[in-house]
Amino acid sequence: KAAKEHDIPEDLNKLLEDKVLETASGLCYVKMSVVEMTCLNGADEEGIVSKSVSSHSDLIPGVYEGGLKIWECTFDLIDYLSEAEIQFSGKTILDLGCGAGLLGIVALRGKAEKVHFQDYNSTVIDKITLPNVVANCINECHRDDNKNSKPPSKRPKVAECLPDVLTKCRFFSGEWSAVTQLLLSSNKPFSKYDIILTSETIYNPDYYSALHDTLAQLLDTNGCVYLASKVHYFGVGGGIYLFEKFVEERNVFRTSMVKTIDKGLQRCILEMAFKGSS
């Protein structure tokens, strides 16, 4: 799937039109069911929503890779980043397979220098990621970090500070290898990422090679990857131990299991860095 960089619309208010916002972990995000309804009414050029509905599936390999849903490991990684006091200030961050973009938004709030968002599907970037980034940069959303806080009003006002925050962001859709090529061959200045955040991207072993190569090509020499995953993905075959074994065999990265969550289906946070890095 070809790579594309998405421009930030000039009319930011339009991004949040007809959107209903929810909150969790102190972050706000557009209500997915409402987005799906508008997409079914013709606002989805890729047709991923109708294909997902008709096939009764959250994943259609090579067509739709799950970005219309916030998967639970995203919140596991958000919790870990807070617990471990991971510092984003002044750093360049990639939210890989971003979906709702919540991991990148956490980095933005942590005063990251630059945050880039990538998802396989352009519909996800336009209808979910971009609106979420804008919504979270609006002052009303910052006031209450309580998980059960009342969702903000349907159409928040775009804050004056917003354009400054958005200059830190770039948005990309397309498969990993194509986005990597776009970044590395672009005329725009590009510096490799200090931190790459990714959640629930290792469910399919067929993608391990592409993911590994992307991380190897885009991570800075002393950079770090934080990857959240279920221990095993039933029906698809992937999982954290299988991916860890794959990484070990490639002998490029060292890995460390930094957190295991036993509540419900077992999940893990994996930290990766280049062998020999400081």
C-alpha atoms as a PDB file:
ATOM      1  CA  LYS A   1       0.000   0.000   0.000  1.00  0.00           C
ATOM      2  CA  ALA A   2       1.502   3.311  -1.126  1.00  0.00           C
ATOM      3  CA  ALA A   3       2.638   5.861   1.445  1.00  0.00           C
ATOM      4  CA  LYS A   4       1.032   9.263   1.748  1.00  0.00           C
ATOM      5  CA  GLU A   5       1.661  12.268   3.961  1.00  0.00           C
ATOM      6  CA  HIS A   6      -1.552  13.886   5.164  1.00  0.00           C
ATOM      7  CA  ASP A   7      -1.742  17.662   5.296  1.00  0.00           C
ATOM      8  CA  ILE A   8      -3.224  19.253   8.389  1.00  0.00           C
ATOM      9  CA  PRO A   9      -6.478  20.957   7.287  1.00  0.00           C
ATOM     10  CA  GLU A  10      -6.573  24.740   7.556  1.00  0.00           C
ATOM     11  CA  ASP A  11     -10.063  24.674   9.045  1.00  0.00           C
ATOM     12  CA  LEU A  12      -9.445  22.813  12.293  1.00  0.00           C
ATOM     13  CA  ASN A  13     -13.012  23.331  13.508  1.00  0.00           C
ATOM     14  CA  LYS A  14     -14.222  21.254  10.566  1.00  0.00           C
ATOM     15  CA  LEU A  15     -12.152  18.308  11.808  1.00  0.00           C
ATOM     16  CA  LEU A  16     -14.298  18.126  14.931  1.00  0.00           C
ATOM     17  CA  GLU A  17     -17.653  18.682  13.255  1.00  0.00           C
ATOM     18  CA  ASP A  18     -20.144  15.889  13.958  1.00  0.00           C
ATOM     19  CA  LYS A  19     -17.648  14.226  16.299  1.00  0.00           C
ATOM     20  CA  VAL A  20     -18.589  12.982  19.756  1.00  0.00           C
ATOM     21  CA  LEU A  21     -15.701  12.839  22.225  1.00  0.00           C
ATOM     22  CA  GLU A  22     -15.039  10.291  24.958  1.00  0.00           C
ATOM     23  CA  THR A  23     -12.283  10.252  27.582  1.00  0.00           C
ATOM     24  CA  ALA A  24     -10.036   7.615  29.148  1.00  0.00           C
ATOM     25  CA  SER A  25      -6.668   7.848  30.914  1.00  0.00           C
ATOM     26  CA  GLY A  26      -7.020  11.634  30.822  1.00  0.00           C
ATOM     27  CA  LEU A  27      -7.115  11.655  27.004  1.00  0.00           C
ATOM     28  CA  CYS A  28     -10.039  12.449  24.763  1.00  0.00           C
ATOM     29  CA  TYR A  29     -10.809  10.684  21.520  1.00  0.00           C
ATOM     30  CA  VAL A  30     -13.579  10.590  18.967  1.00  0.00           C
ATOM     31  CA  LYS A  31     -16.267   7.998  19.543  1.00  0.00           C
ATOM     32  CA  MET A  32     -15.520   5.234  17.056  1.00  0.00           C
ATOM     33  CA  SER A  33     -19.127   4.143  16.523  1.00  0.00           C
ATOM     34  CA  VAL A  34     -20.066   7.664  15.388  1.00  0.00           C
ATOM     35  CA  VAL A  35     -17.105   7.748  12.980  1.00  0.00           C
ATOM     36  CA  GLU A  36     -18.156   4.370  11.611  1.00  0.00           C
ATOM     37  CA  MET A  37     -21.687   5.658  10.992  1.00  0.00           C
ATOM     38  CA  THR A  38     -20.436   8.705   9.056  1.00  0.00           C
ATOM     39  CA  CYS A  39     -18.058   6.470   7.085  1.00  0.00           C
ATOM     40  CA  LEU A  40     -20.883   4.116   6.153  1.00  0.00           C
ATOM     41  CA  ASN A  41     -22.713   7.183   4.849  1.00  0.00           C
ATOM     42  CA  GLY A  42     -20.017   7.792   2.261  1.00  0.00           C
ATOM     43  CA  ALA A  43     -17.176   9.520   4.133  1.00  0.00           C
ATOM     44  CA  ASP A  44     -14.771   6.598   3.695  1.00  0.00           C
ATOM     45  CA  GLU A  45     -12.934   6.578   0.355  1.00  0.00           C
ATOM     46  CA  GLU A  46     -11.120   3.336   1.198  1.00  0.00           C
ATOM     47  CA  GLY A  47     -14.379   1.583   2.074  1.00  0.00           C
ATOM     48  CA  ILE A  48     -12.726  -0.053   5.086  1.00  0.00           C
ATOM     49  CA  VAL A  49     -15.732   0.365   7.375  1.00  0.00           C
ATOM     50  CA  SER A  50     -18.192  -1.356   5.043  1.00  0.00           C
ATOM     51  CA  LYS A  51     -15.643  -4.128   4.398  1.00  0.00           C
ATOM     52  CA  SER A  52     -15.043  -4.552   8.129  1.00  0.00           C
ATOM     53  CA  VAL A  53     -18.785  -4.668   8.837  1.00  0.00           C
ATOM     54  CA  SER A  54     -19.589  -7.070   5.997  1.00  0.00           C
ATOM     55  CA  SER A  55     -16.770  -9.450   6.956  1.00  0.00           C
ATOM     56  CA  HIS A  56     -17.530  -9.162  10.719  1.00  0.00           C
ATOM     57  CA  SER A  57     -13.824  -8.616  11.297  1.00  0.00           C
ATOM     58  CA  ASP A  58     -11.577  -6.045  12.992  1.00  0.00           C
ATOM     59  CA  LEU A  59      -8.722  -7.122  10.720  1.00  0.00           C
ATOM     60  CA  ILE A  60      -8.607  -7.720   6.976  1.00  0.00           C
ATOM     61  CA  PRO A  61      -4.947  -8.321   6.028  1.00  0.00           C
ATOM     62  CA  GLY A  62      -3.756  -5.885   3.376  1.00  0.00           C
ATOM     63  CA  VAL A  63      -7.060  -3.966   3.476  1.00  0.00           C
ATOM     64  CA  TYR A  64      -7.842  -2.850   7.011  1.00  0.00           C
ATOM     65  CA  GLU A  65      -5.476  -3.282   9.964  1.00  0.00           C
ATOM     66  CA  GLY A  66      -7.651  -2.484  12.974  1.00  0.00           C
ATOM     67  CA  GLY A  67      -7.205   1.283  13.332  1.00  0.00           C
ATOM     68  CA  LEU A  68     -10.902   1.974  13.947  1.00  0.00           C
ATOM     69  CA  LYS A  69     -10.662   0.390  17.380  1.00  0.00           C
ATOM     70  CA  ILE A  70      -8.597   1.296  20.449  1.00  0.00           C
ATOM     71  CA  TRP A  71      -6.991  -1.960  21.549  1.00  0.00           C
ATOM     72  CA  GLU A  72      -6.375  -2.581  25.255  1.00  0.00           C
ATOM     73  CA  CYS A  73      -2.570  -2.746  25.046  1.00  0.00           C
ATOM     74  CA  THR A  74      -2.576   0.948  24.115  1.00  0.00           C
ATOM     75  CA  PHE A  75      -3.752   1.772  27.642  1.00  0.00           C
ATOM     76  CA  ASP A  76      -1.212  -0.691  29.091  1.00  0.00           C
ATOM     77  CA  LEU A  77       1.569   1.224  27.345  1.00  0.00           C
ATOM     78  CA  ILE A  78       0.166   4.618  28.398  1.00  0.00           C
ATOM     79  CA  ASP A  79       0.189   3.394  32.017  1.00  0.00           C
ATOM     80  CA  TYR A  80       3.743   2.076  31.683  1.00  0.00           C
ATOM     81  CA  LEU A  81       5.082   5.307  30.157  1.00  0.00           C
ATOM     82  CA  SER A  82       3.710   7.148  33.181  1.00  0.00           C
ATOM     83  CA  GLU A  83       4.899   4.597  35.780  1.00  0.00           C
ATOM     84  CA  ALA A  84       8.408   4.416  34.306  1.00  0.00           C
ATOM     85  CA  GLU A  85       8.515   8.215  33.935  1.00  0.00           C
ATOM     86  CA  ILE A  86       9.661   7.974  30.317  1.00  0.00           C
ATOM     87  CA  GLN A  87      10.882  11.421  29.266  1.00  0.00           C
ATOM     88  CA  PHE A  88       9.696  12.844  25.937  1.00  0.00           C
ATOM     89  CA  SER A  89      10.882  16.424  26.330  1.00  0.00           C
ATOM     90  CA  GLY A  90      12.899  17.582  23.307  1.00  0.00           C
ATOM     91  CA  LYS A  91      12.713  14.155  21.642  1.00  0.00           C
ATOM     92  CA  THR A  92      11.518  12.960  18.242  1.00  0.00           C
ATOM     93  CA  ILE A  93       8.763  10.342  18.531  1.00  0.00           C
ATOM     94  CA  LEU A  94       7.005   7.951  16.141  1.00  0.00           C
ATOM     95  CA  ASP A  95       3.601   6.448  16.957  1.00  0.00           C
ATOM     96  CA  LEU A  96       3.746   3.412  14.646  1.00  0.00           C
ATOM     97  CA  GLY A  97       0.449   1.767  13.694  1.00  0.00           C
ATOM     98  CA  CYS A  98      -1.084   4.669  15.570  1.00  0.00           C
ATOM     99  CA  GLY A  99      -4.841   4.154  15.120  1.00  0.00           C
ATOM    100  CA  ALA A 100      -6.370   6.689  17.507  1.00  0.00           C
ATOM    101  CA  GLY A 101      -2.921   8.235  18.049  1.00  0.00           C
ATOM    102  CA  LEU A 102      -3.144   8.190  21.850  1.00  0.00           C
ATOM    103  CA  LEU A 103       0.502   7.165  22.358  1.00  0.00           C
ATOM    104  CA  GLY A 104       1.739  10.046  20.220  1.00  0.00           C
ATOM    105  CA  ILE A 105      -0.612  12.416  22.037  1.00  0.00           C
ATOM    106  CA  VAL A 106       0.934  11.333  25.368  1.00  0.00           C
ATOM    107  CA  ALA A 107       4.349  12.192  23.882  1.00  0.00           C
ATOM    108  CA  LEU A 108       3.058  15.586  22.694  1.00  0.00           C
ATOM    109  CA  ARG A 109       1.818  16.334  26.196  1.00  0.00           C
ATOM    110  CA  GLY A 110       5.247  15.341  27.469  1.00  0.00           C
ATOM    111  CA  LYS A 111       6.751  18.221  25.446  1.00  0.00           C
ATOM    112  CA  ALA A 112       8.213  16.106  22.640  1.00  0.00           C
ATOM    113  CA  GLU A 113      10.025  18.115  19.969  1.00  0.00           C
ATOM    114  CA  LYS A 114       8.362  16.249  17.081  1.00  0.00           C
ATOM    115  CA  VAL A 115       5.702  13.548  16.921  1.00  0.00           C
ATOM    116  CA  HIS A 116       4.919  11.589  13.768  1.00  0.00           C
ATOM    117  CA  PHE A 117       1.856   9.361  13.406  1.00  0.00           C
ATOM    118  CA  GLN A 118       1.585   6.396  11.005  1.00  0.00           C
ATOM    119  CA  ASP A 119      -1.349   4.110  10.266  1.00  0.00           C
ATOM    120  CA  TYR A 120      -1.930   1.652   7.436  1.00  0.00           C
ATOM    121  CA  ASN A 121      -5.250   3.255   6.490  1.00  0.00           C
ATOM    122  CA  SER A 122      -5.682   6.843   5.288  1.00  0.00           C
ATOM    123  CA  THR A 123      -9.291   6.859   6.564  1.00  0.00           C
ATOM    124  CA  VAL A 124      -7.996   6.233  10.093  1.00  0.00           C
ATOM    125  CA  ILE A 125      -5.557   9.176   9.891  1.00  0.00           C
ATOM    126  CA  ASP A 126      -8.152  11.597   8.479  1.00  0.00           C
ATOM    127  CA  LYS A 127     -11.206  10.597  10.513  1.00  0.00           C
ATOM    128  CA  ILE A 128      -9.661   9.520  13.822  1.00  0.00           C
ATOM    129  CA  THR A 129      -5.977  10.359  14.393  1.00  0.00           C
ATOM    130  CA  LEU A 130      -6.035  13.989  13.223  1.00  0.00           C
ATOM    131  CA  PRO A 131      -9.273  14.874  15.080  1.00  0.00           C
ATOM    132  CA  ASN A 132      -7.907  13.229  18.246  1.00  0.00           C
ATOM    133  CA  VAL A 133      -4.658  15.194  18.135  1.00  0.00           C
ATOM    134  CA  VAL A 134      -6.597  18.439  17.668  1.00  0.00           C
ATOM    135  CA  ALA A 135      -9.116  17.592  20.408  1.00  0.00           C
ATOM    136  CA  ASN A 136      -6.379  16.816  22.928  1.00  0.00           C
ATOM    137  CA  CYS A 137      -4.572  20.055  22.231  1.00  0.00           C
ATOM    138  CA  ILE A 138      -7.663  22.000  23.218  1.00  0.00           C
ATOM    139  CA  ASN A 139      -7.623  23.412  26.721  1.00  0.00           C
ATOM    140  CA  GLU A 140     -10.977  21.971  27.761  1.00  0.00           C
ATOM    141  CA  CYS A 141      -9.594  18.450  27.460  1.00  0.00           C
ATOM    142  CA  HIS A 142      -6.678  19.076  29.818  1.00  0.00           C
ATOM    143  CA  ARG A 143      -8.650  20.003  32.889  1.00  0.00           C
ATOM    144  CA  ASP A 144      -9.615  16.641  34.294  1.00  0.00           C
ATOM    145  CA  ASP A 145      -7.294  13.663  34.249  1.00  0.00           C
ATOM    146  CA  ASN A 146      -9.824  11.459  35.973  1.00  0.00           C
ATOM    147  CA  LYS A 147     -10.472   8.314  33.926  1.00  0.00           C
ATOM    148  CA  ASN A 148     -14.198   8.633  34.516  1.00  0.00           C
ATOM    149  CA  SER A 149     -14.390  12.341  33.826  1.00  0.00           C
ATOM    150  CA  LYS A 150     -17.370  13.676  31.962  1.00  0.00           C
ATOM    151  CA  PRO A 151     -16.647  13.776  28.221  1.00  0.00           C
ATOM    152  CA  PRO A 152     -16.085  17.254  26.839  1.00  0.00           C
ATOM    153  CA  SER A 153     -18.801  19.006  24.869  1.00  0.00           C
ATOM    154  CA  LYS A 154     -19.555  17.814  21.361  1.00  0.00           C
ATOM    155  CA  ARG A 155     -17.795  20.657  19.561  1.00  0.00           C
ATOM    156  CA  PRO A 156     -14.909  22.120  21.536  1.00  0.00           C
ATOM    157  CA  LYS A 157     -13.467  25.465  20.482  1.00  0.00           C
ATOM    158  CA  VAL A 158     -10.100  25.323  18.778  1.00  0.00           C
ATOM    159  CA  ALA A 159      -7.566  26.889  21.120  1.00  0.00           C
ATOM    160  CA  GLU A 160      -5.226  29.628  19.950  1.00  0.00           C
ATOM    161  CA  CYS A 161      -2.148  27.616  20.910  1.00  0.00           C
ATOM    162  CA  LEU A 162      -3.122  24.814  18.558  1.00  0.00           C
ATOM    163  CA  PRO A 163      -1.207  25.748  15.388  1.00  0.00           C
ATOM    164  CA  ASP A 164       2.075  25.820  17.362  1.00  0.00           C
ATOM    165  CA  VAL A 165       1.498  22.305  18.672  1.00  0.00           C
ATOM    166  CA  LEU A 166       0.512  20.999  15.249  1.00  0.00           C
ATOM    167  CA  THR A 167       3.752  22.233  13.666  1.00  0.00           C
ATOM    168  CA  LYS A 168       5.434  19.463  15.692  1.00  0.00           C
ATOM    169  CA  CYS A 169       3.268  16.794  14.036  1.00  0.00           C
ATOM    170  CA  ARG A 170       3.323  14.897  10.747  1.00  0.00           C
ATOM    171  CA  PHE A 171       0.803  12.264   9.674  1.00  0.00           C
ATOM    172  CA  PHE A 172       1.385   9.325   7.325  1.00  0.00           C
ATOM    173  CA  SER A 173      -0.635   6.427   5.944  1.00  0.00           C
ATOM    174  CA  GLY A 174       0.507   3.354   4.038  1.00  0.00           C
ATOM    175  CA  GLU A 175       2.451   0.208   4.771  1.00  0.00           C
ATOM    176  CA  TRP A 176       5.577   0.435   6.908  1.00  0.00           C
ATOM    177  CA  SER A 177       8.154  -0.124   4.164  1.00  0.00           C
ATOM    178  CA  ALA A 178       6.556   2.517   1.926  1.00  0.00           C
ATOM    179  CA  VAL A 179       6.348   5.096   4.736  1.00  0.00           C
ATOM    180  CA  THR A 180       9.990   4.378   5.624  1.00  0.00           C
ATOM    181  CA  GLN A 181      11.031   5.055   2.020  1.00  0.00           C
ATOM    182  CA  LEU A 182       8.949   8.227   1.925  1.00  0.00           C
ATOM    183  CA  LEU A 183      10.620   9.546   5.081  1.00  0.00           C
ATOM    184  CA  LEU A 184      14.172   8.615   4.099  1.00  0.00           C
ATOM    185  CA  SER A 185      13.892   9.948   0.536  1.00  0.00           C
ATOM    186  CA  SER A 186      11.894  13.092   1.333  1.00  0.00           C
ATOM    187  CA  ASN A 187      13.187  16.606   0.644  1.00  0.00           C
ATOM    188  CA  LYS A 188      11.947  17.594   4.094  1.00  0.00           C
ATOM    189  CA  PRO A 189      14.583  17.352   6.835  1.00  0.00           C
ATOM    190  CA  PHE A 190      14.263  14.064   8.694  1.00  0.00           C
ATOM    191  CA  SER A 191      16.003  12.958  11.868  1.00  0.00           C
ATOM    192  CA  LYS A 192      15.634   9.413  13.133  1.00  0.00           C
ATOM    193  CA  TYR A 193      13.389   8.747  16.111  1.00  0.00           C
ATOM    194  CA  ASP A 194      14.541   8.820  19.725  1.00  0.00           C
ATOM    195  CA  ILE A 195      11.497   6.771  20.743  1.00  0.00           C
ATOM    196  CA  ILE A 196       9.153   4.575  18.693  1.00  0.00           C
ATOM    197  CA  LEU A 197       5.874   3.649  20.390  1.00  0.00           C
ATOM    198  CA  THR A 198       3.770   0.806  19.005  1.00  0.00           C
ATOM    199  CA  SER A 199       0.874  -1.243  20.332  1.00  0.00           C
ATOM    200  CA  GLU A 200      -0.747  -4.468  19.088  1.00  0.00           C
ATOM    201  CA  THR A 201       1.268  -4.485  15.852  1.00  0.00           C
ATOM    202  CA  ILE A 202       2.717  -8.015  16.163  1.00  0.00           C
ATOM    203  CA  TYR A 203      -0.487 -10.055  15.880  1.00  0.00           C
ATOM    204  CA  ASN A 204       0.499 -11.421  12.454  1.00  0.00           C
ATOM    205  CA  PRO A 205       3.898 -13.168  12.066  1.00  0.00           C
ATOM    206  CA  ASP A 206       3.803 -12.377   8.323  1.00  0.00           C
ATOM    207  CA  TYR A 207       4.495  -8.727   9.240  1.00  0.00           C
ATOM    208  CA  TYR A 208       7.485  -9.326  11.528  1.00  0.00           C
ATOM    209  CA  SER A 209      10.128  -8.829   8.867  1.00  0.00           C
ATOM    210  CA  ALA A 210       8.619  -5.533   7.660  1.00  0.00           C
ATOM    211  CA  LEU A 211       8.192  -4.272  11.224  1.00  0.00           C
ATOM    212  CA  HIS A 212      11.728  -5.235  12.219  1.00  0.00           C
ATOM    213  CA  ASP A 213      13.208  -3.539   9.132  1.00  0.00           C
ATOM    214  CA  THR A 214      11.169  -0.392   9.769  1.00  0.00           C
ATOM    215  CA  LEU A 215      12.364  -0.160  13.368  1.00  0.00           C
ATOM    216  CA  ALA A 216      15.972  -0.791  12.286  1.00  0.00           C
ATOM    217  CA  GLN A 217      15.828   1.906   9.592  1.00  0.00           C
ATOM    218  CA  LEU A 218      13.979   4.615  11.517  1.00  0.00           C
ATOM    219  CA  LEU A 219      15.261   4.322  15.100  1.00  0.00           C
ATOM    220  CA  ASP A 220      18.143   6.569  16.147  1.00  0.00           C
ATOM    221  CA  THR A 221      21.385   4.816  17.162  1.00  0.00           C
ATOM    222  CA  ASN A 222      20.675   5.340  20.868  1.00  0.00           C
ATOM    223  CA  GLY A 223      16.901   5.262  20.486  1.00  0.00           C
ATOM    224  CA  CYS A 224      14.383   3.012  22.182  1.00  0.00           C
ATOM    225  CA  VAL A 225      11.247   1.124  21.102  1.00  0.00           C
ATOM    226  CA  TYR A 226       8.362   0.454  23.492  1.00  0.00           C
ATOM    227  CA  LEU A 227       6.067  -2.249  22.146  1.00  0.00           C
ATOM    228  CA  ALA A 228       2.844  -3.414  23.815  1.00  0.00           C
ATOM    229  CA  SER A 229       1.324  -6.754  22.885  1.00  0.00           C
ATOM    230  CA  LYS A 230      -0.788  -9.667  23.999  1.00  0.00           C
ATOM    231  CA  VAL A 231       1.220 -12.773  24.830  1.00  0.00           C
ATOM    232  CA  HIS A 232      -0.656 -14.631  22.082  1.00  0.00           C
ATOM    233  CA  TYR A 233      -3.107 -13.647  19.359  1.00  0.00           C
ATOM    234  CA  PHE A 234      -5.519 -16.512  18.884  1.00  0.00           C
ATOM    235  CA  GLY A 235      -6.560 -17.112  15.309  1.00  0.00           C
ATOM    236  CA  VAL A 236      -3.748 -15.016  13.813  1.00  0.00           C
ATOM    237  CA  GLY A 237      -0.798 -16.778  15.405  1.00  0.00           C
ATOM    238  CA  GLY A 238       1.422 -13.914  16.520  1.00  0.00           C
ATOM    239  CA  GLY A 239       2.503 -12.999  20.024  1.00  0.00           C
ATOM    240  CA  ILE A 240       5.206 -11.473  22.174  1.00  0.00           C
ATOM    241  CA  TYR A 241       7.443 -14.550  22.581  1.00  0.00           C
ATOM    242  CA  LEU A 242       7.320 -15.394  18.884  1.00  0.00           C
ATOM    243  CA  PHE A 243       8.291 -11.822  18.012  1.00  0.00           C
ATOM    244  CA  GLU A 244      11.033 -11.759  20.651  1.00  0.00           C
ATOM    245  CA  LYS A 245      12.489 -14.962  19.159  1.00  0.00           C
ATOM    246  CA  PHE A 246      12.331 -13.394  15.670  1.00  0.00           C
ATOM    247  CA  VAL A 247      14.201 -10.312  16.922  1.00  0.00           C
ATOM    248  CA  GLU A 248      16.854 -12.424  18.666  1.00  0.00           C
ATOM    249  CA  GLU A 249      17.508 -14.379  15.469  1.00  0.00           C
ATOM    250  CA  ARG A 250      18.035 -11.153  13.521  1.00  0.00           C
ATOM    251  CA  ASN A 251      20.660 -10.082  16.091  1.00  0.00           C
ATOM    252  CA  VAL A 252      20.118  -6.331  15.571  1.00  0.00           C
ATOM    253  CA  PHE A 253      18.217  -5.378  18.733  1.00  0.00           C
ATOM    254  CA  ARG A 254      18.431  -6.349  22.371  1.00  0.00           C
ATOM    255  CA  THR A 255      15.074  -6.813  24.073  1.00  0.00           C
ATOM    256  CA  SER A 256      13.815  -6.581  27.623  1.00  0.00           C
ATOM    257  CA  MET A 257      10.376  -7.482  28.981  1.00  0.00           C
ATOM    258  CA  VAL A 258       9.732  -4.482  31.225  1.00  0.00           C
ATOM    259  CA  LYS A 259       6.173  -5.232  32.334  1.00  0.00           C
ATOM    260  CA  THR A 260       3.690  -8.113  32.333  1.00  0.00           C
ATOM    261  CA  ILE A 261      -0.032  -7.557  32.885  1.00  0.00           C
ATOM    262  CA  ASP A 262      -1.869 -10.645  34.141  1.00  0.00           C
ATOM    263  CA  LYS A 263      -5.359  -9.151  34.353  1.00  0.00           C
ATOM    264  CA  GLY A 264      -7.537 -10.866  31.729  1.00  0.00           C
ATOM    265  CA  LEU A 265      -5.610 -12.045  28.681  1.00  0.00           C
ATOM    266  CA  GLN A 266      -1.901 -11.814  29.536  1.00  0.00           C
ATOM    267  CA  ARG A 267      -0.154  -8.817  27.982  1.00  0.00           C
ATOM    268  CA  CYS A 268       3.396  -7.448  27.977  1.00  0.00           C
ATOM    269  CA  ILE A 269       5.501  -4.366  27.342  1.00  0.00           C
ATOM    270  CA  LEU A 270       8.732  -5.026  25.453  1.00  0.00           C
ATOM    271  CA  GLU A 271      11.608  -2.542  25.321  1.00  0.00           C
ATOM    272  CA  MET A 272      13.993  -2.707  22.352  1.00  0.00           C
ATOM    273  CA  ALA A 273      17.276  -0.943  21.617  1.00  0.00           C
ATOM    274  CA  PHE A 274      20.156  -1.525  19.221  1.00  0.00           C
ATOM    275  CA  LYS A 275      22.810  -3.943  20.443  1.00  0.00           C
ATOM    276  CA  GLY A 276      25.822  -1.930  21.533  1.00  0.00           C
ATOM    277  CA  SER A 277      23.814   1.266  22.079  1.00  0.00           C
ATOM    278  CA  SER A 278      24.272   3.218  25.287  1.00  0.00           C
END
